[in-house]
Amino acid sequence: MQSAVPAQPDFQEFLQNAQAFQDRMRNAQTELERAIVTGRSDDGTVTVLVSGLGKLQAVQVDPQVFDERDVQRLQNAIAEAVRSAGATASRLAAQKMGPVEINLY
């Protein structure tokens, strides 16, 4: 009795699968470039908007932070909002493309 030899993958099928994968990734990247996600500080005083790829689009600061003149609080709020937006962008990218790392720039 002969043992079954696994069939060799069809090269044309491999190329088609690779092209389909590349198309899906290109489409996902386009969607992520167009998507805008939001991150907010824990106290809600700072909001940042970033693309789905993590590119910073805007920073919004509630004017009340200037009344208090607390530089450390404002710095912390900005950092919290940026981290929140980065985490949201990473989750969106993972949904669209699979696990990826988002670097805010």
PDB file of N, CA and C in Angstrom:
ATOM      1  N   MET A   1       0.840  -1.170   0.000  1.00  0.00           N
ATOM      2  CA  MET A   1       0.000   0.000   0.000  1.00  0.00           C
ATOM      3  C   MET A   1       0.893   1.244   0.000  1.00  0.00           C
ATOM      4  N   GLN A   2       0.617   2.150  -0.903  1.00  0.00           N
ATOM      5  CA  GLN A   2       1.412   3.370  -1.009  1.00  0.00           C
ATOM      6  C   GLN A   2       0.852   4.430  -0.063  1.00  0.00           C
ATOM      7  N   SER A   3       1.796   5.156   0.560  1.00  0.00           N
ATOM      8  CA  SER A   3       1.348   6.266   1.413  1.00  0.00           C
ATOM      9  C   SER A   3       1.018   7.451   0.515  1.00  0.00           C
ATOM     10  N   ALA A   4       0.032   8.194   0.947  1.00  0.00           N
ATOM     11  CA  ALA A   4      -0.407   9.356   0.162  1.00  0.00           C
ATOM     12  C   ALA A   4       0.628  10.466   0.281  1.00  0.00           C
ATOM     13  N   VAL A   5       1.035  10.982  -0.846  1.00  0.00           N
ATOM     14  CA  VAL A   5       1.971  12.095  -0.899  1.00  0.00           C
ATOM     15  C   VAL A   5       1.150  13.373  -0.987  1.00  0.00           C
ATOM     16  N   PRO A   6       1.423  14.320  -0.095  1.00  0.00           N
ATOM     17  CA  PRO A   6       0.646  15.555  -0.171  1.00  0.00           C
ATOM     18  C   PRO A   6       0.838  16.232  -1.525  1.00  0.00           C
ATOM     19  N   ALA A   7      -0.247  16.728  -2.045  1.00  0.00           N
ATOM     20  CA  ALA A   7      -0.199  17.417  -3.334  1.00  0.00           C
ATOM     21  C   ALA A   7       0.587  18.716  -3.192  1.00  0.00           C
ATOM     22  N   GLN A   8       1.363  19.019  -4.195  1.00  0.00           N
ATOM     23  CA  GLN A   8       2.115  20.262  -4.210  1.00  0.00           C
ATOM     24  C   GLN A   8       1.151  21.421  -4.440  1.00  0.00           C
ATOM     25  N   PRO A   9       1.365  22.520  -3.719  1.00  0.00           N
ATOM     26  CA  PRO A   9       0.483  23.663  -3.945  1.00  0.00           C
ATOM     27  C   PRO A   9       0.612  24.163  -5.380  1.00  0.00           C
ATOM     28  N   ASP A  10      -0.496  24.550  -5.917  1.00  0.00           N
ATOM     29  CA  ASP A  10      -0.528  25.095  -7.257  1.00  0.00           C
ATOM     30  C   ASP A  10       0.038  26.512  -7.212  1.00  0.00           C
ATOM     31  N   PHE A  11       1.060  26.784  -8.022  1.00  0.00           N
ATOM     32  CA  PHE A  11       1.734  28.081  -7.997  1.00  0.00           C
ATOM     33  C   PHE A  11       0.781  29.206  -8.378  1.00  0.00           C
ATOM     34  N   GLN A  12      -0.067  28.974  -9.349  1.00  0.00           N
ATOM     35  CA  GLN A  12      -1.021  29.997  -9.770  1.00  0.00           C
ATOM     36  C   GLN A  12      -1.987  30.323  -8.625  1.00  0.00           C
ATOM     37  N   GLU A  13      -2.418  29.303  -7.916  1.00  0.00           N
ATOM     38  CA  GLU A  13      -3.310  29.508  -6.775  1.00  0.00           C
ATOM     39  C   GLU A  13      -2.589  30.311  -5.681  1.00  0.00           C
ATOM     40  N   PHE A  14      -1.330  29.995  -5.463  1.00  0.00           N
ATOM     41  CA  PHE A  14      -0.524  30.736  -4.491  1.00  0.00           C
ATOM     42  C   PHE A  14      -0.460  32.213  -4.869  1.00  0.00           C
ATOM     43  N   LEU A  15      -0.196  32.508  -6.138  1.00  0.00           N
ATOM     44  CA  LEU A  15      -0.118  33.898  -6.589  1.00  0.00           C
ATOM     45  C   LEU A  15      -1.455  34.615  -6.434  1.00  0.00           C
ATOM     46  N   GLN A  16      -2.534  33.913  -6.732  1.00  0.00           N
ATOM     47  CA  GLN A  16      -3.862  34.520  -6.594  1.00  0.00           C
ATOM     48  C   GLN A  16      -4.160  34.838  -5.127  1.00  0.00           C
ATOM     49  N   ASN A  17      -3.809  33.902  -4.236  1.00  0.00           N
ATOM     50  CA  ASN A  17      -4.026  34.132  -2.810  1.00  0.00           C
ATOM     51  C   ASN A  17      -3.177  35.299  -2.313  1.00  0.00           C
ATOM     52  N   ALA A  18      -1.945  35.371  -2.770  1.00  0.00           N
ATOM     53  CA  ALA A  18      -1.062  36.469  -2.377  1.00  0.00           C
ATOM     54  C   ALA A  18      -1.618  37.804  -2.870  1.00  0.00           C
ATOM     55  N   GLN A  19      -2.122  37.840  -4.093  1.00  0.00           N
ATOM     56  CA  GLN A  19      -2.697  39.068  -4.642  1.00  0.00           C
ATOM     57  C   GLN A  19      -3.946  39.473  -3.867  1.00  0.00           C
ATOM     58  N   ALA A  20      -4.786  38.496  -3.527  1.00  0.00           N
ATOM     59  CA  ALA A  20      -6.001  38.789  -2.762  1.00  0.00           C
ATOM     60  C   ALA A  20      -5.636  39.353  -1.384  1.00  0.00           C
ATOM     61  N   PHE A  21      -4.613  38.768  -0.753  1.00  0.00           N
ATOM     62  CA  PHE A  21      -4.160  39.260   0.542  1.00  0.00           C
ATOM     63  C   PHE A  21      -3.642  40.689   0.426  1.00  0.00           C
ATOM     64  N   GLN A  22      -2.838  40.945  -0.590  1.00  0.00           N
ATOM     65  CA  GLN A  22      -2.302  42.287  -0.808  1.00  0.00           C
ATOM     66  C   GLN A  22      -3.437  43.286  -1.028  1.00  0.00           C
ATOM     67  N   ASP A  23      -4.454  42.908  -1.780  1.00  0.00           N
ATOM     68  CA  ASP A  23      -5.590  43.793  -2.017  1.00  0.00           C
ATOM     69  C   ASP A  23      -6.329  44.096  -0.713  1.00  0.00           C
ATOM     70  N   ARG A  24      -6.528  43.059   0.117  1.00  0.00           N
ATOM     71  CA  ARG A  24      -7.208  43.269   1.402  1.00  0.00           C
ATOM     72  C   ARG A  24      -6.411  44.216   2.294  1.00  0.00           C
ATOM     73  N   MET A  25      -5.107  44.048   2.318  1.00  0.00           N
ATOM     74  CA  MET A  25      -4.267  44.913   3.147  1.00  0.00           C
ATOM     75  C   MET A  25      -4.270  46.349   2.621  1.00  0.00           C
ATOM     76  N   ARG A  26      -4.231  46.506   1.317  1.00  0.00           N
ATOM     77  CA  ARG A  26      -4.267  47.850   0.722  1.00  0.00           C
ATOM     78  C   ARG A  26      -5.598  48.534   1.046  1.00  0.00           C
ATOM     79  N   ASN A  27      -6.693  47.797   0.935  1.00  0.00           N
ATOM     80  CA  ASN A  27      -8.006  48.362   1.250  1.00  0.00           C
ATOM     81  C   ASN A  27      -8.108  48.719   2.732  1.00  0.00           C
ATOM     82  N   ALA A  28      -7.586  47.848   3.587  1.00  0.00           N
ATOM     83  CA  ALA A  28      -7.619  48.116   5.025  1.00  0.00           C
ATOM     84  C   ALA A  28      -6.793  49.358   5.348  1.00  0.00           C
ATOM     85  N   GLN A  29      -5.638  49.502   4.716  1.00  0.00           N
ATOM     86  CA  GLN A  29      -4.802  50.671   4.959  1.00  0.00           C
ATOM     87  C   GLN A  29      -5.521  51.946   4.527  1.00  0.00           C
ATOM     88  N   THR A  30      -6.185  51.902   3.392  1.00  0.00           N
ATOM     89  CA  THR A  30      -6.938  53.069   2.920  1.00  0.00           C
ATOM     90  C   THR A  30      -8.037  53.426   3.909  1.00  0.00           C
ATOM     91  N   GLU A  31      -8.754  52.421   4.409  1.00  0.00           N
ATOM     92  CA  GLU A  31      -9.807  52.668   5.394  1.00  0.00           C
ATOM     93  C   GLU A  31      -9.228  53.278   6.665  1.00  0.00           C
ATOM     94  N   LEU A  32      -8.083  52.774   7.101  1.00  0.00           N
ATOM     95  CA  LEU A  32      -7.465  53.296   8.316  1.00  0.00           C
ATOM     96  C   LEU A  32      -6.964  54.724   8.131  1.00  0.00           C
ATOM     97  N   GLU A  33      -6.455  55.038   6.948  1.00  0.00           N
ATOM     98  CA  GLU A  33      -6.010  56.406   6.677  1.00  0.00           C
ATOM     99  C   GLU A  33      -7.174  57.382   6.760  1.00  0.00           C
ATOM    100  N   ARG A  34      -8.354  56.947   6.338  1.00  0.00           N
ATOM    101  CA  ARG A  34      -9.544  57.814   6.320  1.00  0.00           C
ATOM    102  C   ARG A  34     -10.250  57.871   7.673  1.00  0.00           C
ATOM    103  N   ALA A  35     -10.084  56.841   8.481  1.00  0.00           N
ATOM    104  CA  ALA A  35     -10.774  56.776   9.769  1.00  0.00           C
ATOM    105  C   ALA A  35     -10.194  57.801  10.741  1.00  0.00           C
ATOM    106  N   ILE A  36     -11.048  58.353  11.569  1.00  0.00           N
ATOM    107  CA  ILE A  36     -10.627  59.257  12.631  1.00  0.00           C
ATOM    108  C   ILE A  36     -11.113  58.648  13.948  1.00  0.00           C
ATOM    109  N   VAL A  37     -10.186  58.489  14.886  1.00  0.00           N
ATOM    110  CA  VAL A  37     -10.535  57.966  16.206  1.00  0.00           C
ATOM    111  C   VAL A  37     -10.224  59.030  17.248  1.00  0.00           C
ATOM    112  N   THR A  38     -10.894  58.921  18.383  1.00  0.00           N
ATOM    113  CA  THR A  38     -10.804  59.914  19.435  1.00  0.00           C
ATOM    114  C   THR A  38     -10.179  59.303  20.684  1.00  0.00           C
ATOM    115  N   GLY A  39      -9.394  60.092  21.358  1.00  0.00           N
ATOM    116  CA  GLY A  39      -8.887  59.730  22.676  1.00  0.00           C
ATOM    117  C   GLY A  39      -9.146  60.874  23.622  1.00  0.00           C
ATOM    118  N   ARG A  40      -9.537  60.552  24.850  1.00  0.00           N
ATOM    119  CA  ARG A  40      -9.831  61.586  25.842  1.00  0.00           C
ATOM    120  C   ARG A  40      -9.038  61.334  27.119  1.00  0.00           C
ATOM    121  N   SER A  41      -8.704  62.421  27.784  1.00  0.00           N
ATOM    122  CA  SER A  41      -8.072  62.300  29.096  1.00  0.00           C
ATOM    123  C   SER A  41      -9.112  61.783  30.081  1.00  0.00           C
ATOM    124  N   ASP A  42      -8.634  61.240  31.184  1.00  0.00           N
ATOM    125  CA  ASP A  42      -9.556  60.701  32.192  1.00  0.00           C
ATOM    126  C   ASP A  42     -10.508  61.765  32.720  1.00  0.00           C
ATOM    127  N   ASP A  43     -10.036  62.999  32.833  1.00  0.00           N
ATOM    128  CA  ASP A  43     -10.895  64.067  33.352  1.00  0.00           C
ATOM    129  C   ASP A  43     -11.713  64.763  32.261  1.00  0.00           C
ATOM    130  N   GLY A  44     -11.513  64.367  30.995  1.00  0.00           N
ATOM    131  CA  GLY A  44     -12.298  64.914  29.890  1.00  0.00           C
ATOM    132  C   GLY A  44     -11.876  66.288  29.411  1.00  0.00           C
ATOM    133  N   THR A  45     -10.774  66.813  29.928  1.00  0.00           N
ATOM    134  CA  THR A  45     -10.373  68.162  29.540  1.00  0.00           C
ATOM    135  C   THR A  45      -9.605  68.219  28.222  1.00  0.00           C
ATOM    136  N   VAL A  46      -9.041  67.081  27.801  1.00  0.00           N
ATOM    137  CA  VAL A  46      -8.270  67.050  26.558  1.00  0.00           C
ATOM    138  C   VAL A  46      -8.799  65.927  25.674  1.00  0.00           C
ATOM    139  N   THR A  47      -8.991  66.261  24.408  1.00  0.00           N
ATOM    140  CA  THR A  47      -9.416  65.289  23.406  1.00  0.00           C
ATOM    141  C   THR A  47      -8.441  65.372  22.239  1.00  0.00           C
ATOM    142  N   VAL A  48      -8.000  64.221  21.755  1.00  0.00           N
ATOM    143  CA  VAL A  48      -7.155  64.204  20.560  1.00  0.00           C
ATOM    144  C   VAL A  48      -7.838  63.363  19.502  1.00  0.00           C
ATOM    145  N   LEU A  49      -7.637  63.763  18.274  1.00  0.00           N
ATOM    146  CA  LEU A  49      -8.156  63.038  17.120  1.00  0.00           C
ATOM    147  C   LEU A  49      -6.967  62.533  16.322  1.00  0.00           C
ATOM    148  N   VAL A  50      -6.977  61.245  15.995  1.00  0.00           N
ATOM    149  CA  VAL A  50      -5.908  60.653  15.204  1.00  0.00           C
ATOM    150  C   VAL A  50      -6.521  59.815  14.098  1.00  0.00           C
ATOM    151  N   SER A  51      -5.741  59.606  13.041  1.00  0.00           N
ATOM    152  CA  SER A  51      -6.191  58.710  11.988  1.00  0.00           C
ATOM    153  C   SER A  51      -6.129  57.280  12.506  1.00  0.00           C
ATOM    154  N   GLY A  52      -6.738  56.372  11.779  1.00  0.00           N
ATOM    155  CA  GLY A  52      -6.681  54.964  12.142  1.00  0.00           C
ATOM    156  C   GLY A  52      -5.277  54.409  12.105  1.00  0.00           C
ATOM    157  N   LEU A  53      -4.358  55.133  11.464  1.00  0.00           N
ATOM    158  CA  LEU A  53      -2.949  54.733  11.426  1.00  0.00           C
ATOM    159  C   LEU A  53      -2.134  55.438  12.503  1.00  0.00           C
ATOM    160  N   GLY A  54      -2.802  56.260  13.328  1.00  0.00           N
ATOM    161  CA  GLY A  54      -2.118  56.904  14.435  1.00  0.00           C
ATOM    162  C   GLY A  54      -1.556  58.278  14.155  1.00  0.00           C
ATOM    163  N   LYS A  55      -1.865  58.868  13.017  1.00  0.00           N
ATOM    164  CA  LYS A  55      -1.358  60.213  12.701  1.00  0.00           C
ATOM    165  C   LYS A  55      -2.236  61.255  13.392  1.00  0.00           C
ATOM    166  N   LEU A  56      -1.603  62.084  14.206  1.00  0.00           N
ATOM    167  CA  LEU A  56      -2.317  63.101  14.971  1.00  0.00           C
ATOM    168  C   LEU A  56      -2.988  64.097  14.030  1.00  0.00           C
ATOM    169  N   GLN A  57      -4.284  64.318  14.246  1.00  0.00           N
ATOM    170  CA  GLN A  57      -5.053  65.247  13.411  1.00  0.00           C
ATOM    171  C   GLN A  57      -5.379  66.545  14.155  1.00  0.00           C
ATOM    172  N   ALA A  58      -5.732  66.437  15.450  1.00  0.00           N
ATOM    173  CA  ALA A  58      -6.132  67.628  16.196  1.00  0.00           C
ATOM    174  C   ALA A  58      -6.040  67.360  17.696  1.00  0.00           C
ATOM    175  N   VAL A  59      -5.861  68.457  18.443  1.00  0.00           N
ATOM    176  CA  VAL A  59      -5.892  68.427  19.899  1.00  0.00           C
ATOM    177  C   VAL A  59      -6.895  69.479  20.341  1.00  0.00           C
ATOM    178  N   GLN A  60      -7.816  69.087  21.203  1.00  0.00           N
ATOM    179  CA  GLN A  60      -8.809  70.016  21.731  1.00  0.00           C
ATOM    180  C   GLN A  60      -8.636  70.077  23.244  1.00  0.00           C
ATOM    181  N   VAL A  61      -8.543  71.306  23.776  1.00  0.00           N
ATOM    182  CA  VAL A  61      -8.350  71.498  25.209  1.00  0.00           C
ATOM    183  C   VAL A  61      -9.512  72.329  25.749  1.00  0.00           C
ATOM    184  N   ASP A  62     -10.137  71.832  26.802  1.00  0.00           N
ATOM    185  CA  ASP A  62     -11.214  72.560  27.464  1.00  0.00           C
ATOM    186  C   ASP A  62     -10.607  73.804  28.116  1.00  0.00           C
ATOM    187  N   PRO A  63     -11.149  74.995  27.843  1.00  0.00           N
ATOM    188  CA  PRO A  63     -10.576  76.236  28.385  1.00  0.00           C
ATOM    189  C   PRO A  63     -10.495  76.271  29.911  1.00  0.00           C
ATOM    190  N   GLN A  64     -11.261  75.454  30.603  1.00  0.00           N
ATOM    191  CA  GLN A  64     -11.231  75.479  32.077  1.00  0.00           C
ATOM    192  C   GLN A  64      -9.849  75.126  32.628  1.00  0.00           C
ATOM    193  N   VAL A  65      -9.045  74.373  31.876  1.00  0.00           N
ATOM    194  CA  VAL A  65      -7.722  74.012  32.386  1.00  0.00           C
ATOM    195  C   VAL A  65      -6.824  75.242  32.516  1.00  0.00           C
ATOM    196  N   PHE A  66      -7.088  76.258  31.747  1.00  0.00           N
ATOM    197  CA  PHE A  66      -6.268  77.473  31.830  1.00  0.00           C
ATOM    198  C   PHE A  66      -6.623  78.306  33.057  1.00  0.00           C
ATOM    199  N   ASP A  67      -7.865  78.187  33.526  1.00  0.00           N
ATOM    200  CA  ASP A  67      -8.281  78.899  34.734  1.00  0.00           C
ATOM    201  C   ASP A  67      -7.516  78.388  35.948  1.00  0.00           C
ATOM    202  N   GLU A  68      -7.235  77.108  35.953  1.00  0.00           N
ATOM    203  CA  GLU A  68      -6.550  76.499  37.090  1.00  0.00           C
ATOM    204  C   GLU A  68      -5.030  76.667  37.009  1.00  0.00           C
ATOM    205  N   ARG A  69      -4.512  76.914  35.832  1.00  0.00           N
ATOM    206  CA  ARG A  69      -3.073  77.119  35.606  1.00  0.00           C
ATOM    207  C   ARG A  69      -2.219  76.003  36.211  1.00  0.00           C
ATOM    208  N   ASP A  70      -2.715  74.781  36.048  1.00  0.00           N
ATOM    209  CA  ASP A  70      -2.009  73.618  36.577  1.00  0.00           C
ATOM    210  C   ASP A  70      -1.316  72.913  35.409  1.00  0.00           C
ATOM    211  N   VAL A  71      -0.070  73.272  35.193  1.00  0.00           N
ATOM    212  CA  VAL A  71       0.687  72.750  34.050  1.00  0.00           C
ATOM    213  C   VAL A  71       0.795  71.230  34.109  1.00  0.00           C
ATOM    214  N   GLN A  72       1.101  70.700  35.273  1.00  0.00           N
ATOM    215  CA  GLN A  72       1.263  69.250  35.414  1.00  0.00           C
ATOM    216  C   GLN A  72      -0.030  68.517  35.050  1.00  0.00           C
ATOM    217  N   ARG A  73      -1.154  69.042  35.506  1.00  0.00           N
ATOM    218  CA  ARG A  73      -2.445  68.418  35.190  1.00  0.00           C
ATOM    219  C   ARG A  73      -2.692  68.423  33.686  1.00  0.00           C
ATOM    220  N   LEU A  74      -2.406  69.548  33.028  1.00  0.00           N
ATOM    221  CA  LEU A  74      -2.600  69.639  31.583  1.00  0.00           C
ATOM    222  C   LEU A  74      -1.675  68.669  30.853  1.00  0.00           C
ATOM    223  N   GLN A  75      -0.432  68.587  31.266  1.00  0.00           N
ATOM    224  CA  GLN A  75       0.505  67.648  30.635  1.00  0.00           C
ATOM    225  C   GLN A  75       0.013  66.212  30.789  1.00  0.00           C
ATOM    226  N   ASN A  76      -0.446  65.868  31.980  1.00  0.00           N
ATOM    227  CA  ASN A  76      -0.962  64.515  32.213  1.00  0.00           C
ATOM    228  C   ASN A  76      -2.198  64.243  31.358  1.00  0.00           C
ATOM    229  N   ALA A  77      -3.076  65.239  31.259  1.00  0.00           N
ATOM    230  CA  ALA A  77      -4.296  65.069  30.470  1.00  0.00           C
ATOM    231  C   ALA A  77      -3.967  64.857  28.992  1.00  0.00           C
ATOM    232  N   ILE A  78      -3.006  65.593  28.478  1.00  0.00           N
ATOM    233  CA  ILE A  78      -2.600  65.422  27.074  1.00  0.00           C
ATOM    234  C   ILE A  78      -2.032  64.018  26.867  1.00  0.00           C
ATOM    235  N   ALA A  79      -1.160  63.592  27.768  1.00  0.00           N
ATOM    236  CA  ALA A  79      -0.571  62.258  27.644  1.00  0.00           C
ATOM    237  C   ALA A  79      -1.643  61.172  27.712  1.00  0.00           C
ATOM    238  N   GLU A  80      -2.604  61.311  28.624  1.00  0.00           N
ATOM    239  CA  GLU A  80      -3.691  60.338  28.732  1.00  0.00           C
ATOM    240  C   GLU A  80      -4.503  60.276  27.439  1.00  0.00           C
ATOM    241  N   ALA A  81      -4.816  61.437  26.874  1.00  0.00           N
ATOM    242  CA  ALA A  81      -5.617  61.484  25.653  1.00  0.00           C
ATOM    243  C   ALA A  81      -4.871  60.859  24.482  1.00  0.00           C
ATOM    244  N   VAL A  82      -3.579  61.121  24.380  1.00  0.00           N
ATOM    245  CA  VAL A  82      -2.777  60.553  23.299  1.00  0.00           C
ATOM    246  C   VAL A  82      -2.702  59.030  23.444  1.00  0.00           C
ATOM    247  N   ARG A  83      -2.463  58.556  24.666  1.00  0.00           N
ATOM    248  CA  ARG A  83      -2.423  57.097  24.895  1.00  0.00           C
ATOM    249  C   ARG A  83      -3.763  56.455  24.564  1.00  0.00           C
ATOM    250  N   SER A  84      -4.846  57.102  24.950  1.00  0.00           N
ATOM    251  CA  SER A  84      -6.179  56.578  24.675  1.00  0.00           C
ATOM    252  C   SER A  84      -6.437  56.489  23.171  1.00  0.00           C
ATOM    253  N   ALA A  85      -6.071  57.538  22.448  1.00  0.00           N
ATOM    254  CA  ALA A  85      -6.260  57.534  20.994  1.00  0.00           C
ATOM    255  C   ALA A  85      -5.402  56.459  20.338  1.00  0.00           C
ATOM    256  N   GLY A  86      -4.154  56.305  20.802  1.00  0.00           N
ATOM    257  CA  GLY A  86      -3.280  55.270  20.260  1.00  0.00           C
ATOM    258  C   GLY A  86      -3.850  53.882  20.476  1.00  0.00           C
ATOM    259  N   ALA A  87      -4.411  53.642  21.657  1.00  0.00           N
ATOM    260  CA  ALA A  87      -5.014  52.339  21.947  1.00  0.00           C
ATOM    261  C   ALA A  87      -6.226  52.093  21.059  1.00  0.00           C
ATOM    262  N   THR A  88      -7.033  53.128  20.857  1.00  0.00           N
ATOM    263  CA  THR A  88      -8.211  52.991  19.996  1.00  0.00           C
ATOM    264  C   THR A  88      -7.796  52.735  18.551  1.00  0.00           C
ATOM    265  N   ALA A  89      -6.785  53.454  18.070  1.00  0.00           N
ATOM    266  CA  ALA A  89      -6.288  53.248  16.706  1.00  0.00           C
ATOM    267  C   ALA A  89      -5.730  51.835  16.550  1.00  0.00           C
ATOM    268  N   SER A  90      -5.038  51.338  17.558  1.00  0.00           N
ATOM    269  CA  SER A  90      -4.495  49.977  17.498  1.00  0.00           C
ATOM    270  C   SER A  90      -5.602  48.942  17.411  1.00  0.00           C
ATOM    271  N   ARG A  91      -6.661  49.132  18.197  1.00  0.00           N
ATOM    272  CA  ARG A  91      -7.797  48.185  18.142  1.00  0.00           C
ATOM    273  C   ARG A  91      -8.457  48.212  16.773  1.00  0.00           C
ATOM    274  N   LEU A  92      -8.632  49.409  16.213  1.00  0.00           N
ATOM    275  CA  LEU A  92      -9.239  49.519  14.887  1.00  0.00           C
ATOM    276  C   LEU A  92      -8.366  48.836  13.838  1.00  0.00           C
ATOM    277  N   ALA A  93      -7.066  49.077  13.907  1.00  0.00           N
ATOM    278  CA  ALA A  93      -6.147  48.449  12.955  1.00  0.00           C
ATOM    279  C   ALA A  93      -6.166  46.935  13.092  1.00  0.00           C
ATOM    280  N   ALA A  94      -6.241  46.437  14.321  1.00  0.00           N
ATOM    281  CA  ALA A  94      -6.299  44.985  14.532  1.00  0.00           C
ATOM    282  C   ALA A  94      -7.561  44.405  13.921  1.00  0.00           C
ATOM    283  N   GLN A  95      -8.660  45.140  14.003  1.00  0.00           N
ATOM    284  CA  GLN A  95      -9.906  44.678  13.385  1.00  0.00           C
ATOM    285  C   GLN A  95      -9.775  44.617  11.866  1.00  0.00           C
ATOM    286  N   LYS A  96      -9.099  45.603  11.299  1.00  0.00           N
ATOM    287  CA  LYS A  96      -9.000  45.705   9.844  1.00  0.00           C
ATOM    288  C   LYS A  96      -7.890  44.844   9.252  1.00  0.00           C
ATOM    289  N   MET A  97      -6.760  44.738   9.957  1.00  0.00           N
ATOM    290  CA  MET A  97      -5.582  44.117   9.360  1.00  0.00           C
ATOM    291  C   MET A  97      -5.002  42.957  10.161  1.00  0.00           C
ATOM    292  N   GLY A  98      -5.454  42.758  11.368  1.00  0.00           N
ATOM    293  CA  GLY A  98      -4.797  41.824  12.255  1.00  0.00           C
ATOM    294  C   GLY A  98      -3.882  42.624  13.162  1.00  0.00           C
ATOM    295  N   PRO A  99      -3.173  41.973  14.066  1.00  0.00           N
ATOM    296  CA  PRO A  99      -2.353  42.702  15.036  1.00  0.00           C
ATOM    297  C   PRO A  99      -1.284  43.563  14.352  1.00  0.00           C
ATOM    298  N   VAL A 100      -1.264  44.839  14.716  1.00  0.00           N
ATOM    299  CA  VAL A 100      -0.238  45.772  14.251  1.00  0.00           C
ATOM    300  C   VAL A 100       0.109  46.704  15.400  1.00  0.00           C
ATOM    301  N   GLU A 101       1.220  47.376  15.269  1.00  0.00           N
ATOM    302  CA  GLU A 101       1.633  48.361  16.273  1.00  0.00           C
ATOM    303  C   GLU A 101       1.419  49.740  15.681  1.00  0.00           C
ATOM    304  N   ILE A 102       0.805  50.620  16.478  1.00  0.00           N
ATOM    305  CA  ILE A 102       0.547  51.989  16.045  1.00  0.00           C
ATOM    306  C   ILE A 102       1.543  52.902  16.746  1.00  0.00           C
ATOM    307  N   ASN A 103       2.243  53.699  15.982  1.00  0.00           N
ATOM    308  CA  ASN A 103       3.148  54.706  16.516  1.00  0.00           C
ATOM    309  C   ASN A 103       2.561  56.066  16.186  1.00  0.00           C
ATOM    310  N   LEU A 104       2.309  56.865  17.206  1.00  0.00           N
ATOM    311  CA  LEU A 104       1.770  58.211  16.974  1.00  0.00           C
ATOM    312  C   LEU A 104       2.889  59.115  16.509  1.00  0.00           C
ATOM    313  N   TYR A 105       2.628  59.840  15.427  1.00  0.00           N
ATOM    314  CA  TYR A 105       3.612  60.788  14.910  1.00  0.00           C
ATOM    315  C   TYR A 105       2.911  61.999  14.366  1.00  0.00           C
TER     316      TYR A 105
END
